[in-house]
Amino acid sequence: MKLVFAGTPEVAVPSLRALIDSEHEVAAVVTRPDARSGRGRRVSASPVAELAASEGIEVLKPAKAGDPEFLGRLAEIGPDCCPVVAYGALLPQRALDIPEHGWVNLHFSLLPAWRGAAPVQHAILHGDDVTGATTFRIVKELDAGPVFGTLTETVRPTDTSGELLDRLSVAGAELLVRTIDGIASGQLTAVPQREEDGVSYASKLTPEDAELDFTAPAQRVDRLARACTPAPGAWTTFRGTRLKVGPVTPLTDADTPALDPGQVHADKRRVVVGTSTNPVLLGQVQPQGKRAMAAVDWARGVRPTEDDRLGR
């Protein structure tokens, strides 16, 4: 089949790579316009655009997917199907109507659970034991189209959203290729989502959502820190300035000191913070305006006292 692939960030690259290596023709790629990124805030092409350009594939970067010029070019190309992975923009009905077999999205949850922008983060935040990926045909309603296929993935106790998404992006690429194969052969049809199993929504996590509350149980602090790693980045405050916090480890060992919520205990080996239940062990932290460092190195510099609290 002739395909036009739509995607933007690094998580979409495994799928594009797999489709390029498949028996199908990737005639063009649709991605978001070049944007500023990195420490230098330089304007750069998306990871998907870079891979496509390296393969000599036409790259389309419409400001909006409803732009007449873009829709005209898409119609000229005449794709049979448009696979989508994390494109990052809404597709108008005029675009959805162009390919005969529609737009097929790879979404990183087991739909209808966690429809929306941040399914992997919410799976970790809410303590899901299992998540997965789903291929479905895009319709006007958010992530509500009929399903072609699914796969499952165990959420490991120490998974960050970045680690879990990396695994899903690789496994999901295989699922997407198998889905396109099945559509091309006529052997695969989509079935409606089982909404009676429960629909949930995963809104994008903002920096405000990522503030750690050490008056909460250790389990909640742990889940939020992992869900927000690498983005938007969990954080708290220390002596009135922001402190970015990497994943933490809930502690239950007998030699862990009893601490008030937010109270910091540091020694040569570790830095422990109190919660409303058992304390948590800090891993990496990043003070405002400085590089990331091991929590023990940070504590050696700031010398927390018994009166210091994270969250102040």
C-alpha atoms as a PDB file:
ATOM      1  CA  MET A   1       0.000   0.000   0.000  1.00  0.00           C
ATOM      2  CA  LYS A   2       0.997   3.589  -0.554  1.00  0.00           C
ATOM      3  CA  LEU A   3       1.308   5.307   2.812  1.00  0.00           C
ATOM      4  CA  VAL A   4       1.680   8.822   4.147  1.00  0.00           C
ATOM      5  CA  PHE A   5       3.024   8.629   7.705  1.00  0.00           C
ATOM      6  CA  ALA A   6       2.188  11.294  10.289  1.00  0.00           C
ATOM      7  CA  GLY A   7       4.307  11.706  13.422  1.00  0.00           C
ATOM      8  CA  THR A   8       6.642  14.114  15.154  1.00  0.00           C
ATOM      9  CA  PRO A   9       8.700  13.115  18.255  1.00  0.00           C
ATOM     10  CA  GLU A  10      11.326  10.448  18.851  1.00  0.00           C
ATOM     11  CA  VAL A  11       8.686   7.967  20.027  1.00  0.00           C
ATOM     12  CA  ALA A  12       7.294   7.882  16.456  1.00  0.00           C
ATOM     13  CA  VAL A  13      10.646   7.057  14.855  1.00  0.00           C
ATOM     14  CA  PRO A  14      10.555   3.248  15.435  1.00  0.00           C
ATOM     15  CA  SER A  15       7.203   3.058  13.639  1.00  0.00           C
ATOM     16  CA  LEU A  16       8.397   5.091  10.676  1.00  0.00           C
ATOM     17  CA  ARG A  17      11.564   2.998  10.486  1.00  0.00           C
ATOM     18  CA  ALA A  18       9.528  -0.234  10.545  1.00  0.00           C
ATOM     19  CA  LEU A  19       7.174   0.988   7.798  1.00  0.00           C
ATOM     20  CA  ILE A  20      10.090   2.097   5.611  1.00  0.00           C
ATOM     21  CA  ASP A  21      11.576  -1.393   6.001  1.00  0.00           C
ATOM     22  CA  SER A  22       8.236  -3.096   5.246  1.00  0.00           C
ATOM     23  CA  GLU A  23       6.799  -4.053   1.861  1.00  0.00           C
ATOM     24  CA  HIS A  24       4.689  -0.884   1.838  1.00  0.00           C
ATOM     25  CA  GLU A  25       5.639   2.412   0.177  1.00  0.00           C
ATOM     26  CA  VAL A  26       6.054   5.423   2.452  1.00  0.00           C
ATOM     27  CA  ALA A  27       5.389   8.121  -0.146  1.00  0.00           C
ATOM     28  CA  ALA A  28       5.568  11.089   2.248  1.00  0.00           C
ATOM     29  CA  VAL A  29       5.723  12.073   5.897  1.00  0.00           C
ATOM     30  CA  VAL A  30       3.594  14.669   7.691  1.00  0.00           C
ATOM     31  CA  THR A  31       5.119  16.267  10.779  1.00  0.00           C
ATOM     32  CA  ARG A  32       4.887  19.394  12.879  1.00  0.00           C
ATOM     33  CA  PRO A  33       6.762  22.499  11.690  1.00  0.00           C
ATOM     34  CA  ASP A  34      10.351  23.018  12.813  1.00  0.00           C
ATOM     35  CA  ALA A  35      10.510  24.245  16.401  1.00  0.00           C
ATOM     36  CA  ARG A  36      13.000  25.460  18.977  1.00  0.00           C
ATOM     37  CA  SER A  37      14.419  22.728  21.179  1.00  0.00           C
ATOM     38  CA  GLY A  38      17.383  21.873  23.369  1.00  0.00           C
ATOM     39  CA  ARG A  39      19.455  24.085  25.630  1.00  0.00           C
ATOM     40  CA  GLY A  40      20.407  26.451  22.835  1.00  0.00           C
ATOM     41  CA  ARG A  41      16.754  26.752  21.761  1.00  0.00           C
ATOM     42  CA  ARG A  42      17.798  26.346  18.148  1.00  0.00           C
ATOM     43  CA  VAL A  43      15.165  25.803  15.474  1.00  0.00           C
ATOM     44  CA  SER A  44      15.349  22.189  14.348  1.00  0.00           C
ATOM     45  CA  ALA A  45      13.335  19.630  12.424  1.00  0.00           C
ATOM     46  CA  SER A  46      11.430  16.927  14.274  1.00  0.00           C
ATOM     47  CA  PRO A  47      13.030  13.473  14.703  1.00  0.00           C
ATOM     48  CA  VAL A  48      10.500  12.078  12.222  1.00  0.00           C
ATOM     49  CA  ALA A  49      11.387  14.760   9.653  1.00  0.00           C
ATOM     50  CA  GLU A  50      15.083  14.009  10.064  1.00  0.00           C
ATOM     51  CA  LEU A  51      14.620  10.282   9.429  1.00  0.00           C
ATOM     52  CA  ALA A  52      12.378  10.907   6.426  1.00  0.00           C
ATOM     53  CA  ALA A  53      14.847  13.381   4.903  1.00  0.00           C
ATOM     54  CA  SER A  54      17.708  10.926   5.373  1.00  0.00           C
ATOM     55  CA  GLU A  55      15.683   8.364   3.400  1.00  0.00           C
ATOM     56  CA  GLY A  56      14.803  10.803   0.616  1.00  0.00           C
ATOM     57  CA  ILE A  57      11.110  10.841   1.564  1.00  0.00           C
ATOM     58  CA  GLU A  58       9.026  13.956   0.958  1.00  0.00           C
ATOM     59  CA  VAL A  59       8.315  15.839   4.194  1.00  0.00           C
ATOM     60  CA  LEU A  60       5.173  17.934   4.657  1.00  0.00           C
ATOM     61  CA  LYS A  61       5.074  20.425   7.562  1.00  0.00           C
ATOM     62  CA  PRO A  62       1.694  22.163   7.527  1.00  0.00           C
ATOM     63  CA  ALA A  63       1.022  24.769  10.205  1.00  0.00           C
ATOM     64  CA  LYS A  64      -2.457  23.234  10.374  1.00  0.00           C
ATOM     65  CA  ALA A  65      -3.639  19.911   8.988  1.00  0.00           C
ATOM     66  CA  GLY A  66      -6.571  21.736   7.394  1.00  0.00           C
ATOM     67  CA  ASP A  67      -4.414  24.053   5.279  1.00  0.00           C
ATOM     68  CA  PRO A  68      -5.697  23.916   1.662  1.00  0.00           C
ATOM     69  CA  GLU A  69      -2.187  23.625   0.231  1.00  0.00           C
ATOM     70  CA  PHE A  70      -1.449  20.610   2.433  1.00  0.00           C
ATOM     71  CA  LEU A  71      -4.781  18.931   1.671  1.00  0.00           C
ATOM     72  CA  GLY A  72      -4.197  19.471  -2.026  1.00  0.00           C
ATOM     73  CA  ARG A  73      -0.762  17.871  -1.901  1.00  0.00           C
ATOM     74  CA  LEU A  74      -2.085  14.960   0.153  1.00  0.00           C
ATOM     75  CA  ALA A  75      -4.789  14.351  -2.441  1.00  0.00           C
ATOM     76  CA  GLU A  76      -2.165  14.468  -5.217  1.00  0.00           C
ATOM     77  CA  ILE A  77      -0.088  11.820  -3.480  1.00  0.00           C
ATOM     78  CA  GLY A  78      -3.209   9.676  -3.090  1.00  0.00           C
ATOM     79  CA  PRO A  79      -2.254   7.469  -0.131  1.00  0.00           C
ATOM     80  CA  ASP A  80      -4.201   4.283   0.481  1.00  0.00           C
ATOM     81  CA  CYS A  81      -3.758   4.712   4.230  1.00  0.00           C
ATOM     82  CA  CYS A  82      -2.148   7.177   6.651  1.00  0.00           C
ATOM     83  CA  PRO A  83      -0.567   5.619   9.762  1.00  0.00           C
ATOM     84  CA  VAL A  84      -0.173   8.047  12.680  1.00  0.00           C
ATOM     85  CA  VAL A  85       2.048   8.018  15.781  1.00  0.00           C
ATOM     86  CA  ALA A  86       2.130  11.071  18.064  1.00  0.00           C
ATOM     87  CA  TYR A  87       1.594  13.590  15.284  1.00  0.00           C
ATOM     88  CA  GLY A  88       0.515  16.288  17.732  1.00  0.00           C
ATOM     89  CA  ALA A  89      -2.256  18.093  15.855  1.00  0.00           C
ATOM     90  CA  LEU A  90      -5.943  17.572  15.186  1.00  0.00           C
ATOM     91  CA  LEU A  91      -6.928  16.144  11.806  1.00  0.00           C
ATOM     92  CA  PRO A  92      -9.999  17.699  10.153  1.00  0.00           C
ATOM     93  CA  GLN A  93     -12.577  15.537   8.449  1.00  0.00           C
ATOM     94  CA  ARG A  94     -11.394  16.784   5.043  1.00  0.00           C
ATOM     95  CA  ALA A  95      -8.030  15.166   5.733  1.00  0.00           C
ATOM     96  CA  LEU A  96      -9.548  11.993   7.194  1.00  0.00           C
ATOM     97  CA  ASP A  97     -11.592  11.482   4.028  1.00  0.00           C
ATOM     98  CA  ILE A  98      -8.656  11.432   1.588  1.00  0.00           C
ATOM     99  CA  PRO A  99      -7.123   7.942   2.062  1.00  0.00           C
ATOM    100  CA  GLU A 100      -9.381   5.032   1.171  1.00  0.00           C
ATOM    101  CA  HIS A 101      -8.467   3.135   4.337  1.00  0.00           C
ATOM    102  CA  GLY A 102      -8.413   6.190   6.581  1.00  0.00           C
ATOM    103  CA  TRP A 103      -5.873   7.263   9.162  1.00  0.00           C
ATOM    104  CA  VAL A 104      -4.693   4.487  11.498  1.00  0.00           C
ATOM    105  CA  ASN A 105      -3.360   5.640  14.845  1.00  0.00           C
ATOM    106  CA  LEU A 106      -0.958   3.827  17.168  1.00  0.00           C
ATOM    107  CA  HIS A 107      -1.960   4.879  20.691  1.00  0.00           C
ATOM    108  CA  PHE A 108      -0.012   3.866  23.782  1.00  0.00           C
ATOM    109  CA  SER A 109      -2.779   2.453  25.969  1.00  0.00           C
ATOM    110  CA  LEU A 110      -5.360  -0.300  25.913  1.00  0.00           C
ATOM    111  CA  LEU A 111      -8.307   1.694  24.638  1.00  0.00           C
ATOM    112  CA  PRO A 112     -10.802   2.783  25.825  1.00  0.00           C
ATOM    113  CA  ALA A 113      -8.528   3.250  28.865  1.00  0.00           C
ATOM    114  CA  TRP A 114      -6.474   6.450  28.839  1.00  0.00           C
ATOM    115  CA  ARG A 115      -7.666   8.253  25.771  1.00  0.00           C
ATOM    116  CA  GLY A 116      -5.798  11.508  25.313  1.00  0.00           C
ATOM    117  CA  ALA A 117      -2.361  13.086  25.288  1.00  0.00           C
ATOM    118  CA  ALA A 118      -0.522  11.338  28.155  1.00  0.00           C
ATOM    119  CA  PRO A 119      -1.639   7.700  28.446  1.00  0.00           C
ATOM    120  CA  VAL A 120       1.695   6.311  29.634  1.00  0.00           C
ATOM    121  CA  GLN A 121       2.119   8.944  32.335  1.00  0.00           C
ATOM    122  CA  HIS A 122      -1.380   8.311  33.669  1.00  0.00           C
ATOM    123  CA  ALA A 123      -0.908   4.532  33.640  1.00  0.00           C
ATOM    124  CA  ILE A 124       2.074   4.963  35.971  1.00  0.00           C
ATOM    125  CA  LEU A 125       0.463   7.704  38.040  1.00  0.00           C
ATOM    126  CA  HIS A 126      -2.632   5.593  38.723  1.00  0.00           C
ATOM    127  CA  GLY A 127      -0.694   2.422  39.512  1.00  0.00           C
ATOM    128  CA  ASP A 128      -1.749   0.297  36.543  1.00  0.00           C
ATOM    129  CA  ASP A 129      -0.086  -3.117  36.524  1.00  0.00           C
ATOM    130  CA  VAL A 130      -0.569  -3.599  32.788  1.00  0.00           C
ATOM    131  CA  THR A 131      -0.845  -1.188  29.887  1.00  0.00           C
ATOM    132  CA  GLY A 132      -0.232  -1.604  26.174  1.00  0.00           C
ATOM    133  CA  ALA A 133      -0.811  -0.165  22.732  1.00  0.00           C
ATOM    134  CA  THR A 134      -3.758  -0.030  20.357  1.00  0.00           C
ATOM    135  CA  THR A 135      -4.121   0.556  16.629  1.00  0.00           C
ATOM    136  CA  PHE A 136      -7.427   2.118  15.626  1.00  0.00           C
ATOM    137  CA  ARG A 137      -9.044   4.088  12.840  1.00  0.00           C
ATOM    138  CA  ILE A 138      -9.213   7.790  13.640  1.00  0.00           C
ATOM    139  CA  VAL A 139     -12.663   9.367  13.882  1.00  0.00           C
ATOM    140  CA  LYS A 140     -13.756  12.834  14.933  1.00  0.00           C
ATOM    141  CA  GLU A 141     -14.162  11.917  18.623  1.00  0.00           C
ATOM    142  CA  LEU A 142     -10.901  11.733  20.597  1.00  0.00           C
ATOM    143  CA  ASP A 143      -9.302   8.258  20.435  1.00  0.00           C
ATOM    144  CA  ALA A 144     -12.743   6.668  20.036  1.00  0.00           C
ATOM    145  CA  GLY A 145     -12.398   4.928  16.671  1.00  0.00           C
ATOM    146  CA  PRO A 146     -12.777   1.200  16.011  1.00  0.00           C
ATOM    147  CA  VAL A 147      -9.819  -0.991  16.986  1.00  0.00           C
ATOM    148  CA  PHE A 148      -7.646  -3.083  14.669  1.00  0.00           C
ATOM    149  CA  GLY A 149      -5.248  -4.620  17.192  1.00  0.00           C
ATOM    150  CA  THR A 150      -3.701  -4.421  20.657  1.00  0.00           C
ATOM    151  CA  LEU A 151      -0.660  -5.566  22.594  1.00  0.00           C
ATOM    152  CA  THR A 152      -0.021  -5.622  26.331  1.00  0.00           C
ATOM    153  CA  GLU A 153       3.009  -4.503  28.341  1.00  0.00           C
ATOM    154  CA  THR A 154       3.698  -4.970  32.054  1.00  0.00           C
ATOM    155  CA  VAL A 155       4.302  -1.786  34.029  1.00  0.00           C
ATOM    156  CA  ARG A 156       7.420  -2.512  36.070  1.00  0.00           C
ATOM    157  CA  PRO A 157       7.666  -1.226  39.660  1.00  0.00           C
ATOM    158  CA  THR A 158      10.477   1.194  38.816  1.00  0.00           C
ATOM    159  CA  ASP A 159       9.338   2.269  35.342  1.00  0.00           C
ATOM    160  CA  THR A 160       9.465   5.933  34.474  1.00  0.00           C
ATOM    161  CA  SER A 161       7.142   7.162  31.747  1.00  0.00           C
ATOM    162  CA  GLY A 162      10.168   7.531  29.477  1.00  0.00           C
ATOM    163  CA  GLU A 163      11.303   3.941  29.986  1.00  0.00           C
ATOM    164  CA  LEU A 164       7.827   2.494  29.520  1.00  0.00           C
ATOM    165  CA  LEU A 165       7.180   4.608  26.436  1.00  0.00           C
ATOM    166  CA  ASP A 166      10.468   3.491  24.894  1.00  0.00           C
ATOM    167  CA  ARG A 167       9.412  -0.159  25.178  1.00  0.00           C
ATOM    168  CA  LEU A 168       5.934   0.551  23.860  1.00  0.00           C
ATOM    169  CA  SER A 169       7.274   2.506  20.892  1.00  0.00           C
ATOM    170  CA  VAL A 170       9.330  -0.485  19.742  1.00  0.00           C
ATOM    171  CA  ALA A 171       6.629  -3.104  20.333  1.00  0.00           C
ATOM    172  CA  GLY A 172       3.994  -0.757  18.930  1.00  0.00           C
ATOM    173  CA  ALA A 173       5.942  -0.335  15.691  1.00  0.00           C
ATOM    174  CA  GLU A 174       5.560  -4.052  15.036  1.00  0.00           C
ATOM    175  CA  LEU A 175       1.859  -3.867  15.843  1.00  0.00           C
ATOM    176  CA  LEU A 176       1.402  -0.966  13.422  1.00  0.00           C
ATOM    177  CA  VAL A 177       3.125  -2.802  10.570  1.00  0.00           C
ATOM    178  CA  ARG A 178       1.014  -5.926  11.203  1.00  0.00           C
ATOM    179  CA  THR A 179      -2.088  -3.739  11.211  1.00  0.00           C
ATOM    180  CA  ILE A 180      -1.196  -2.140   7.868  1.00  0.00           C
ATOM    181  CA  ASP A 181      -0.409  -5.622   6.481  1.00  0.00           C
ATOM    182  CA  GLY A 182      -3.834  -6.851   7.557  1.00  0.00           C
ATOM    183  CA  ILE A 183      -5.652  -3.875   6.075  1.00  0.00           C
ATOM    184  CA  ALA A 184      -3.767  -4.282   2.786  1.00  0.00           C
ATOM    185  CA  SER A 185      -4.637  -7.981   2.545  1.00  0.00           C
ATOM    186  CA  GLY A 186      -8.264  -7.369   3.445  1.00  0.00           C
ATOM    187  CA  GLN A 187      -8.022  -9.839   6.314  1.00  0.00           C
ATOM    188  CA  LEU A 188      -8.272  -7.278   9.122  1.00  0.00           C
ATOM    189  CA  THR A 189     -11.308  -5.231  10.045  1.00  0.00           C
ATOM    190  CA  ALA A 190     -11.754  -2.809  12.911  1.00  0.00           C
ATOM    191  CA  VAL A 191     -14.207  -3.483  15.731  1.00  0.00           C
ATOM    192  CA  PRO A 192     -15.846  -0.877  17.998  1.00  0.00           C
ATOM    193  CA  GLN A 193     -14.207  -0.143  21.331  1.00  0.00           C
ATOM    194  CA  ARG A 194     -15.737  -1.842  24.364  1.00  0.00           C
ATOM    195  CA  GLU A 195     -16.787   1.304  26.160  1.00  0.00           C
ATOM    196  CA  GLU A 196     -18.703  -0.764  28.698  1.00  0.00           C
ATOM    197  CA  ASP A 197     -15.265  -1.739  30.074  1.00  0.00           C
ATOM    198  CA  GLY A 198     -14.801   1.887  31.147  1.00  0.00           C
ATOM    199  CA  VAL A 199     -13.490   4.992  29.404  1.00  0.00           C
ATOM    200  CA  SER A 200     -10.758   7.069  31.044  1.00  0.00           C
ATOM    201  CA  TYR A 201      -8.938  10.171  29.878  1.00  0.00           C
ATOM    202  CA  ALA A 202      -5.266  11.112  30.148  1.00  0.00           C
ATOM    203  CA  SER A 203      -4.794  14.858  29.989  1.00  0.00           C
ATOM    204  CA  LYS A 204      -1.325  16.279  29.460  1.00  0.00           C
ATOM    205  CA  LEU A 205       0.595  16.675  32.729  1.00  0.00           C
ATOM    206  CA  THR A 206       1.717  20.258  33.282  1.00  0.00           C
ATOM    207  CA  PRO A 207       4.577  21.536  35.451  1.00  0.00           C
ATOM    208  CA  GLU A 208       1.942  22.498  38.028  1.00  0.00           C
ATOM    209  CA  ASP A 209       0.737  18.871  38.094  1.00  0.00           C
ATOM    210  CA  ALA A 210       4.309  17.705  38.685  1.00  0.00           C
ATOM    211  CA  GLU A 211       4.808  19.330  42.101  1.00  0.00           C
ATOM    212  CA  LEU A 212       5.508  16.659  44.722  1.00  0.00           C
ATOM    213  CA  ASP A 213       3.442  16.730  47.912  1.00  0.00           C
ATOM    214  CA  PHE A 214       5.340  15.065  50.739  1.00  0.00           C
ATOM    215  CA  THR A 215       2.249  15.133  52.965  1.00  0.00           C
ATOM    216  CA  ALA A 216       0.912  12.421  50.620  1.00  0.00           C
ATOM    217  CA  PRO A 217       1.749   8.705  51.041  1.00  0.00           C
ATOM    218  CA  ALA A 218       5.126   7.471  49.782  1.00  0.00           C
ATOM    219  CA  GLN A 219       3.391   5.484  47.046  1.00  0.00           C
ATOM    220  CA  ARG A 220       1.830   8.648  45.621  1.00  0.00           C
ATOM    221  CA  VAL A 221       5.159  10.522  45.690  1.00  0.00           C
ATOM    222  CA  ASP A 222       6.865   7.591  43.969  1.00  0.00           C
ATOM    223  CA  ARG A 223       4.244   7.298  41.219  1.00  0.00           C
ATOM    224  CA  LEU A 224       4.138  11.008  40.464  1.00  0.00           C
ATOM    225  CA  ALA A 225       7.929  11.284  40.277  1.00  0.00           C
ATOM    226  CA  ARG A 226       8.136   8.330  37.878  1.00  0.00           C
ATOM    227  CA  ALA A 227       5.175   9.511  35.790  1.00  0.00           C
ATOM    228  CA  CYS A 228       6.787  12.936  35.342  1.00  0.00           C
ATOM    229  CA  THR A 229      10.205  11.577  34.326  1.00  0.00           C
ATOM    230  CA  PRO A 230      11.528  12.790  31.941  1.00  0.00           C
ATOM    231  CA  ALA A 231       8.758  15.330  31.300  1.00  0.00           C
ATOM    232  CA  PRO A 232       7.477  17.622  32.623  1.00  0.00           C
ATOM    233  CA  GLY A 233       9.855  16.787  35.492  1.00  0.00           C
ATOM    234  CA  ALA A 234       8.778  16.310  39.112  1.00  0.00           C
ATOM    235  CA  TRP A 235       9.798  19.086  41.485  1.00  0.00           C
ATOM    236  CA  THR A 236       9.525  20.545  44.942  1.00  0.00           C
ATOM    237  CA  THR A 237      10.996  23.536  46.733  1.00  0.00           C
ATOM    238  CA  PHE A 238      13.873  23.785  49.190  1.00  0.00           C
ATOM    239  CA  ARG A 239      14.556  26.967  51.099  1.00  0.00           C
ATOM    240  CA  GLY A 240      12.267  28.831  48.734  1.00  0.00           C
ATOM    241  CA  THR A 241      13.844  27.734  45.439  1.00  0.00           C
ATOM    242  CA  ARG A 242      12.766  25.037  43.029  1.00  0.00           C
ATOM    243  CA  LEU A 243      14.410  21.615  43.186  1.00  0.00           C
ATOM    244  CA  LYS A 244      13.801  19.141  40.366  1.00  0.00           C
ATOM    245  CA  VAL A 245      13.488  15.569  41.630  1.00  0.00           C
ATOM    246  CA  GLY A 246      14.096  12.350  39.723  1.00  0.00           C
ATOM    247  CA  PRO A 247      12.489   9.002  40.588  1.00  0.00           C
ATOM    248  CA  VAL A 248      12.421   8.146  44.294  1.00  0.00           C
ATOM    249  CA  THR A 249      12.379   4.816  46.125  1.00  0.00           C
ATOM    250  CA  PRO A 250       9.911   4.104  48.957  1.00  0.00           C
ATOM    251  CA  LEU A 251      11.750   2.662  51.960  1.00  0.00           C
ATOM    252  CA  THR A 252      10.572   0.110  54.493  1.00  0.00           C
ATOM    253  CA  ASP A 253      13.854  -1.028  56.085  1.00  0.00           C
ATOM    254  CA  ALA A 254      14.123  -0.963  59.860  1.00  0.00           C
ATOM    255  CA  ASP A 255      17.039   1.481  60.026  1.00  0.00           C
ATOM    256  CA  THR A 256      15.120   4.221  58.181  1.00  0.00           C
ATOM    257  CA  PRO A 257      14.564   7.160  60.543  1.00  0.00           C
ATOM    258  CA  ALA A 258      11.081   8.387  61.429  1.00  0.00           C
ATOM    259  CA  LEU A 259      10.631  11.702  59.607  1.00  0.00           C
ATOM    260  CA  ASP A 260       7.921  14.331  59.346  1.00  0.00           C
ATOM    261  CA  PRO A 261       6.490  14.948  55.845  1.00  0.00           C
ATOM    262  CA  GLY A 262       9.122  16.768  53.804  1.00  0.00           C
ATOM    263  CA  GLN A 263      11.804  16.452  56.492  1.00  0.00           C
ATOM    264  CA  VAL A 264      15.241  15.637  55.051  1.00  0.00           C
ATOM    265  CA  HIS A 265      17.724  13.226  56.598  1.00  0.00           C
ATOM    266  CA  ALA A 266      21.133  13.031  54.902  1.00  0.00           C
ATOM    267  CA  ASP A 267      24.208  10.977  55.627  1.00  0.00           C
ATOM    268  CA  LYS A 268      27.207   9.892  53.567  1.00  0.00           C
ATOM    269  CA  ARG A 269      25.286   7.129  51.822  1.00  0.00           C
ATOM    270  CA  ARG A 270      21.821   8.493  51.124  1.00  0.00           C
ATOM    271  CA  VAL A 271      19.244  11.247  51.391  1.00  0.00           C
ATOM    272  CA  VAL A 272      15.838  10.293  52.801  1.00  0.00           C
ATOM    273  CA  VAL A 273      12.679  12.406  52.903  1.00  0.00           C
ATOM    274  CA  GLY A 274       9.605  11.887  55.068  1.00  0.00           C
ATOM    275  CA  THR A 275       6.063  11.455  53.714  1.00  0.00           C
ATOM    276  CA  SER A 276       2.743  10.801  55.404  1.00  0.00           C
ATOM    277  CA  THR A 277       3.678   7.088  55.477  1.00  0.00           C
ATOM    278  CA  ASN A 278       7.166   5.658  55.084  1.00  0.00           C
ATOM    279  CA  PRO A 279      10.113   7.793  53.869  1.00  0.00           C
ATOM    280  CA  VAL A 280      11.437   7.851  50.316  1.00  0.00           C
ATOM    281  CA  LEU A 281      15.018   7.732  49.087  1.00  0.00           C
ATOM    282  CA  LEU A 282      16.043  10.527  46.722  1.00  0.00           C
ATOM    283  CA  GLY A 283      18.036   9.579  43.624  1.00  0.00           C
ATOM    284  CA  GLN A 284      18.990  12.484  41.378  1.00  0.00           C
ATOM    285  CA  VAL A 285      18.043  16.092  42.007  1.00  0.00           C
ATOM    286  CA  GLN A 286      18.618  19.305  40.077  1.00  0.00           C
ATOM    287  CA  PRO A 287      18.739  22.646  41.893  1.00  0.00           C
ATOM    288  CA  GLN A 288      17.422  25.631  39.994  1.00  0.00           C
ATOM    289  CA  GLY A 289      20.021  26.912  37.533  1.00  0.00           C
ATOM    290  CA  LYS A 290      22.395  23.986  38.104  1.00  0.00           C
ATOM    291  CA  ARG A 291      23.103  20.584  36.614  1.00  0.00           C
ATOM    292  CA  ALA A 292      21.507  17.355  37.778  1.00  0.00           C
ATOM    293  CA  MET A 293      23.436  15.572  40.528  1.00  0.00           C
ATOM    294  CA  ALA A 294      23.212  12.715  42.998  1.00  0.00           C
ATOM    295  CA  ALA A 295      21.142  13.654  46.019  1.00  0.00           C
ATOM    296  CA  VAL A 296      24.075  12.939  48.380  1.00  0.00           C
ATOM    297  CA  ASP A 297      26.206  15.466  46.483  1.00  0.00           C
ATOM    298  CA  TRP A 298      23.431  18.048  46.678  1.00  0.00           C
ATOM    299  CA  ALA A 299      22.989  17.479  50.420  1.00  0.00           C
ATOM    300  CA  ARG A 300      26.723  17.776  51.011  1.00  0.00           C
ATOM    301  CA  GLY A 301      26.537  21.279  49.559  1.00  0.00           C
ATOM    302  CA  VAL A 302      23.321  22.570  51.175  1.00  0.00           C
ATOM    303  CA  ARG A 303      23.709  20.773  54.559  1.00  0.00           C
ATOM    304  CA  PRO A 304      20.002  20.351  55.396  1.00  0.00           C
ATOM    305  CA  THR A 305      19.052  20.846  59.039  1.00  0.00           C
ATOM    306  CA  GLU A 306      16.292  19.202  61.079  1.00  0.00           C
ATOM    307  CA  ASP A 307      14.142  22.279  60.505  1.00  0.00           C
ATOM    308  CA  ASP A 308      14.396  22.141  56.679  1.00  0.00           C
ATOM    309  CA  ARG A 309      11.454  20.747  54.749  1.00  0.00           C
ATOM    310  CA  LEU A 310      11.020  19.954  51.074  1.00  0.00           C
ATOM    311  CA  GLY A 311       7.966  21.820  49.848  1.00  0.00           C
ATOM    312  CA  ARG A 312       8.903  25.100  51.541  1.00  0.00           C
END
